[in-house]
PDB file of N, CA and C in Angstrom:
ATOM      1  N   UNK A   1      84.348 156.942 144.250  1.00  0.00           N
ATOM      2  CA  UNK A   1      83.736 156.334 145.269  1.00  0.00           C
ATOM      3  C   UNK A   1      83.812 157.459 146.316  1.00  0.00           C
ATOM      4  N   UNK A   2      83.102 158.233 146.203  1.00  0.00           N
ATOM      5  CA  UNK A   2      82.971 159.456 147.274  1.00  0.00           C
ATOM      6  C   UNK A   2      81.974 159.244 148.379  1.00  0.00           C
ATOM      7  N   UNK A   3      82.329 159.612 149.552  1.00  0.00           N
ATOM      8  CA  UNK A   3      81.600 159.479 150.752  1.00  0.00           C
ATOM      9  C   UNK A   3      81.802 158.193 151.374  1.00  0.00           C
ATOM     10  N   UNK A   4      82.428 157.426 151.076  1.00  0.00           N
ATOM     11  CA  UNK A   4      82.632 156.089 151.585  1.00  0.00           C
ATOM     12  C   UNK A   4      84.246 155.992 152.139  1.00  0.00           C
ATOM     13  N   UNK A   5      84.034 155.677 153.666  1.00  0.00           N
ATOM     14  CA  UNK A   5      85.382 155.992 154.304  1.00  0.00           C
ATOM     15  C   UNK A   5      85.361 154.879 155.386  1.00  0.00           C
ATOM     16  N   UNK A   6      86.586 153.904 155.606  1.00  0.00           N
ATOM     17  CA  UNK A   6      86.638 152.924 156.422  1.00  0.00           C
ATOM     18  C   UNK A   6      87.063 153.554 157.767  1.00  0.00           C
ATOM     19  N   UNK A   7      86.659 153.129 158.863  1.00  0.00           N
ATOM     20  CA  UNK A   7      87.185 153.663 160.239  1.00  0.00           C
ATOM     21  C   UNK A   7      88.447 152.857 160.374  1.00  0.00           C
ATOM     22  N   UNK A   8      89.479 153.417 161.131  1.00  0.00           N
ATOM     23  CA  UNK A   8      90.676 152.918 161.332  1.00  0.00           C
ATOM     24  C   UNK A   8      90.549 151.405 162.221  1.00  0.00           C
ATOM     25  N   UNK A   9      89.623 151.167 162.951  1.00  0.00           N
ATOM     26  CA  UNK A   9      89.264 149.978 163.325  1.00  0.00           C
ATOM     27  C   UNK A   9      89.061 148.727 162.394  1.00  0.00           C
ATOM     28  N   UNK A  10      88.039 149.337 161.416  1.00  0.00           N
ATOM     29  CA  UNK A  10      87.627 148.531 160.502  1.00  0.00           C
ATOM     30  C   UNK A  10      89.051 148.004 159.432  1.00  0.00           C
ATOM     31  N   UNK A  11      89.983 148.993 159.377  1.00  0.00           N
ATOM     32  CA  UNK A  11      90.917 148.617 158.472  1.00  0.00           C
ATOM     33  C   UNK A  11      91.954 147.826 159.119  1.00  0.00           C
ATOM     34  N   UNK A  12      92.167 147.897 160.351  1.00  0.00           N
ATOM     35  CA  UNK A  12      92.941 147.058 161.350  1.00  0.00           C
ATOM     36  C   UNK A  12      92.391 145.689 161.428  1.00  0.00           C
ATOM     37  N   UNK A  13      91.039 145.584 161.387  1.00  0.00           N
ATOM     38  CA  UNK A  13      90.398 144.174 161.317  1.00  0.00           C
ATOM     39  C   UNK A  13      90.631 143.448 160.077  1.00  0.00           C
ATOM     40  N   UNK A  14      90.107 144.231 159.134  1.00  0.00           N
ATOM     41  CA  UNK A  14      90.558 143.689 157.568  1.00  0.00           C
ATOM     42  C   UNK A  14      92.022 143.118 157.587  1.00  0.00           C
ATOM     43  N   UNK A  15      92.940 144.058 157.968  1.00  0.00           N
ATOM     44  CA  UNK A  15      94.366 143.317 157.836  1.00  0.00           C
ATOM     45  C   UNK A  15      94.741 142.332 158.501  1.00  0.00           C
ATOM     46  N   UNK A  16      94.098 142.193 159.699  1.00  0.00           N
ATOM     47  CA  UNK A  16      94.447 141.137 160.566  1.00  0.00           C
ATOM     48  C   UNK A  16      93.785 139.838 160.033  1.00  0.00           C
ATOM     49  N   UNK A  17      92.721 139.885 159.345  1.00  0.00           N
ATOM     50  CA  UNK A  17      91.808 138.566 158.632  1.00  0.00           C
ATOM     51  C   UNK A  17      92.640 138.233 157.648  1.00  0.00           C
ATOM     52  N   UNK A  18      93.472 139.073 156.887  1.00  0.00           N
ATOM     53  CA  UNK A  18      94.310 138.622 155.973  1.00  0.00           C
ATOM     54  C   UNK A  18      95.895 138.459 156.282  1.00  0.00           C
ATOM     55  N   UNK A  19      96.081 138.687 157.495  1.00  0.00           N
ATOM     56  CA  UNK A  19      97.616 138.403 157.746  1.00  0.00           C
ATOM     57  C   UNK A  19      98.574 139.620 157.427  1.00  0.00           C
ATOM     58  N   UNK A  20      98.026 140.917 157.186  1.00  0.00           N
ATOM     59  CA  UNK A  20      98.959 141.903 157.030  1.00  0.00           C
ATOM     60  C   UNK A  20      98.923 142.705 158.115  1.00  0.00           C
ATOM     61  N   UNK A  21     100.246 143.319 158.405  1.00  0.00           N
ATOM     62  CA  UNK A  21     100.320 144.323 159.396  1.00  0.00           C
ATOM     63  C   UNK A  21      99.923 145.520 159.069  1.00  0.00           C
ATOM     64  N   UNK A  22      99.201 146.219 160.143  1.00  0.00           N
ATOM     65  CA  UNK A  22      98.521 147.510 160.200  1.00  0.00           C
ATOM     66  C   UNK A  22      98.828 148.340 161.390  1.00  0.00           C
ATOM     67  N   UNK A  23     100.206 148.596 161.358  1.00  0.00           N
ATOM     68  CA  UNK A  23     100.971 149.299 162.510  1.00  0.00           C
ATOM     69  C   UNK A  23     100.553 150.831 162.413  1.00  0.00           C
ATOM     70  N   UNK A  24     100.367 151.201 161.256  1.00  0.00           N
ATOM     71  CA  UNK A  24     100.098 152.643 161.236  1.00  0.00           C
ATOM     72  C   UNK A  24      98.885 152.944 159.967  1.00  0.00           C
ATOM     73  N   UNK A  25      97.707 153.497 160.289  1.00  0.00           N
ATOM     74  CA  UNK A  25      96.761 153.723 159.251  1.00  0.00           C
ATOM     75  C   UNK A  25      96.807 155.242 159.246  1.00  0.00           C
ATOM     76  N   UNK A  26      96.887 155.671 157.967  1.00  0.00           N
ATOM     77  CA  UNK A  26      96.882 157.093 157.551  1.00  0.00           C
ATOM     78  C   UNK A  26      95.615 157.452 156.716  1.00  0.00           C
ATOM     79  N   UNK A  27      95.080 158.524 157.011  1.00  0.00           N
ATOM     80  CA  UNK A  27      93.911 158.953 156.045  1.00  0.00           C
ATOM     81  C   UNK A  27      94.412 159.478 154.781  1.00  0.00           C
ATOM     82  N   UNK A  28      93.650 158.954 153.733  1.00  0.00           N
ATOM     83  CA  UNK A  28      93.949 159.625 152.418  1.00  0.00           C
ATOM     84  C   UNK A  28      92.982 161.021 152.008  1.00  0.00           C
ATOM     85  N   UNK A  29      93.644 162.091 151.656  1.00  0.00           N
ATOM     86  CA  UNK A  29      93.092 162.986 151.427  1.00  0.00           C
ATOM     87  C   UNK A  29      92.132 163.377 149.955  1.00  0.00           C
ATOM     88  N   UNK A  30      92.756 162.564 149.052  1.00  0.00           N
ATOM     89  CA  UNK A  30      92.113 162.628 147.705  1.00  0.00           C
ATOM     90  C   UNK A  30      92.793 161.538 146.852  1.00  0.00           C
ATOM     91  N   UNK A  31      92.135 161.129 145.735  1.00  0.00           N
ATOM     92  CA  UNK A  31      92.603 160.113 144.643  1.00  0.00           C
ATOM     93  C   UNK A  31      93.039 160.856 143.450  1.00  0.00           C
ATOM     94  N   UNK A  32      94.102 160.852 143.099  1.00  0.00           N
ATOM     95  CA  UNK A  32      94.603 161.490 141.812  1.00  0.00           C
ATOM     96  C   UNK A  32      94.866 160.623 140.712  1.00  0.00           C
ATOM     97  N   UNK A  33      94.013 160.713 139.525  1.00  0.00           N
ATOM     98  CA  UNK A  33      94.421 159.759 138.542  1.00  0.00           C
ATOM     99  C   UNK A  33      95.519 160.341 137.647  1.00  0.00           C
ATOM    100  N   UNK A  34      96.621 159.606 137.730  1.00  0.00           N
ATOM    101  CA  UNK A  34      97.792 160.027 136.573  1.00  0.00           C
ATOM    102  C   UNK A  34      97.708 159.865 135.542  1.00  0.00           C
ATOM    103  N   UNK A  35      97.007 158.829 135.036  1.00  0.00           N
ATOM    104  CA  UNK A  35      96.868 158.457 133.635  1.00  0.00           C
ATOM    105  C   UNK A  35      95.775 157.418 133.500  1.00  0.00           C
ATOM    106  N   UNK A  36      95.085 157.341 132.448  1.00  0.00           N
ATOM    107  CA  UNK A  36      93.748 156.485 132.526  1.00  0.00           C
ATOM    108  C   UNK A  36      94.372 154.999 132.158  1.00  0.00           C
ATOM    109  N   UNK A  37      93.539 154.005 132.535  1.00  0.00           N
ATOM    110  CA  UNK A  37      94.040 152.664 132.155  1.00  0.00           C
ATOM    111  C   UNK A  37      94.230 152.250 130.763  1.00  0.00           C
ATOM    112  N   UNK A  38      95.229 151.440 130.425  1.00  0.00           N
ATOM    113  CA  UNK A  38      95.322 151.199 129.177  1.00  0.00           C
ATOM    114  C   UNK A  38      94.042 150.439 128.257  1.00  0.00           C
ATOM    115  N   UNK A  39      93.935 150.754 127.058  1.00  0.00           N
ATOM    116  CA  UNK A  39      92.922 149.971 126.564  1.00  0.00           C
ATOM    117  C   UNK A  39      93.005 148.534 126.375  1.00  0.00           C
ATOM    118  N   UNK A  40      92.074 147.511 126.522  1.00  0.00           N
ATOM    119  CA  UNK A  40      92.392 146.228 126.274  1.00  0.00           C
ATOM    120  C   UNK A  40      92.915 145.757 125.128  1.00  0.00           C
ATOM    121  N   UNK A  41      93.694 144.716 124.964  1.00  0.00           N
ATOM    122  CA  UNK A  41      94.343 144.415 123.733  1.00  0.00           C
ATOM    123  C   UNK A  41      93.151 143.538 122.780  1.00  0.00           C
ATOM    124  N   UNK A  42      93.487 143.826 121.405  1.00  0.00           N
ATOM    125  CA  UNK A  42      92.446 143.202 120.323  1.00  0.00           C
ATOM    126  C   UNK A  42      92.785 141.784 120.416  1.00  0.00           C
ATOM    127  N   UNK A  43      92.173 140.699 121.043  1.00  0.00           N
ATOM    128  CA  UNK A  43      92.789 139.308 120.987  1.00  0.00           C
ATOM    129  C   UNK A  43      92.068 138.536 119.943  1.00  0.00           C
ATOM    130  N   UNK A  44      91.198 139.244 119.013  1.00  0.00           N
ATOM    131  CA  UNK A  44      90.481 138.672 117.788  1.00  0.00           C
ATOM    132  C   UNK A  44      91.665 137.961 116.687  1.00  0.00           C
ATOM    133  N   UNK A  45      91.332 136.882 116.217  1.00  0.00           N
ATOM    134  CA  UNK A  45      92.319 136.609 115.238  1.00  0.00           C
ATOM    135  C   UNK A  45      91.819 136.931 114.031  1.00  0.00           C
TER     136      UNK A  45
END
């Protein structure tokens, strides 16, 4: 999701709506994928 960034005020408003504290809002420099999501389990009988 490149090019999409929420303002600090937007983060604080959303946090207030859901009852979460947002005392400190820090910018994120990059997202790192440590490992891929596991494959879904085969639930067929």
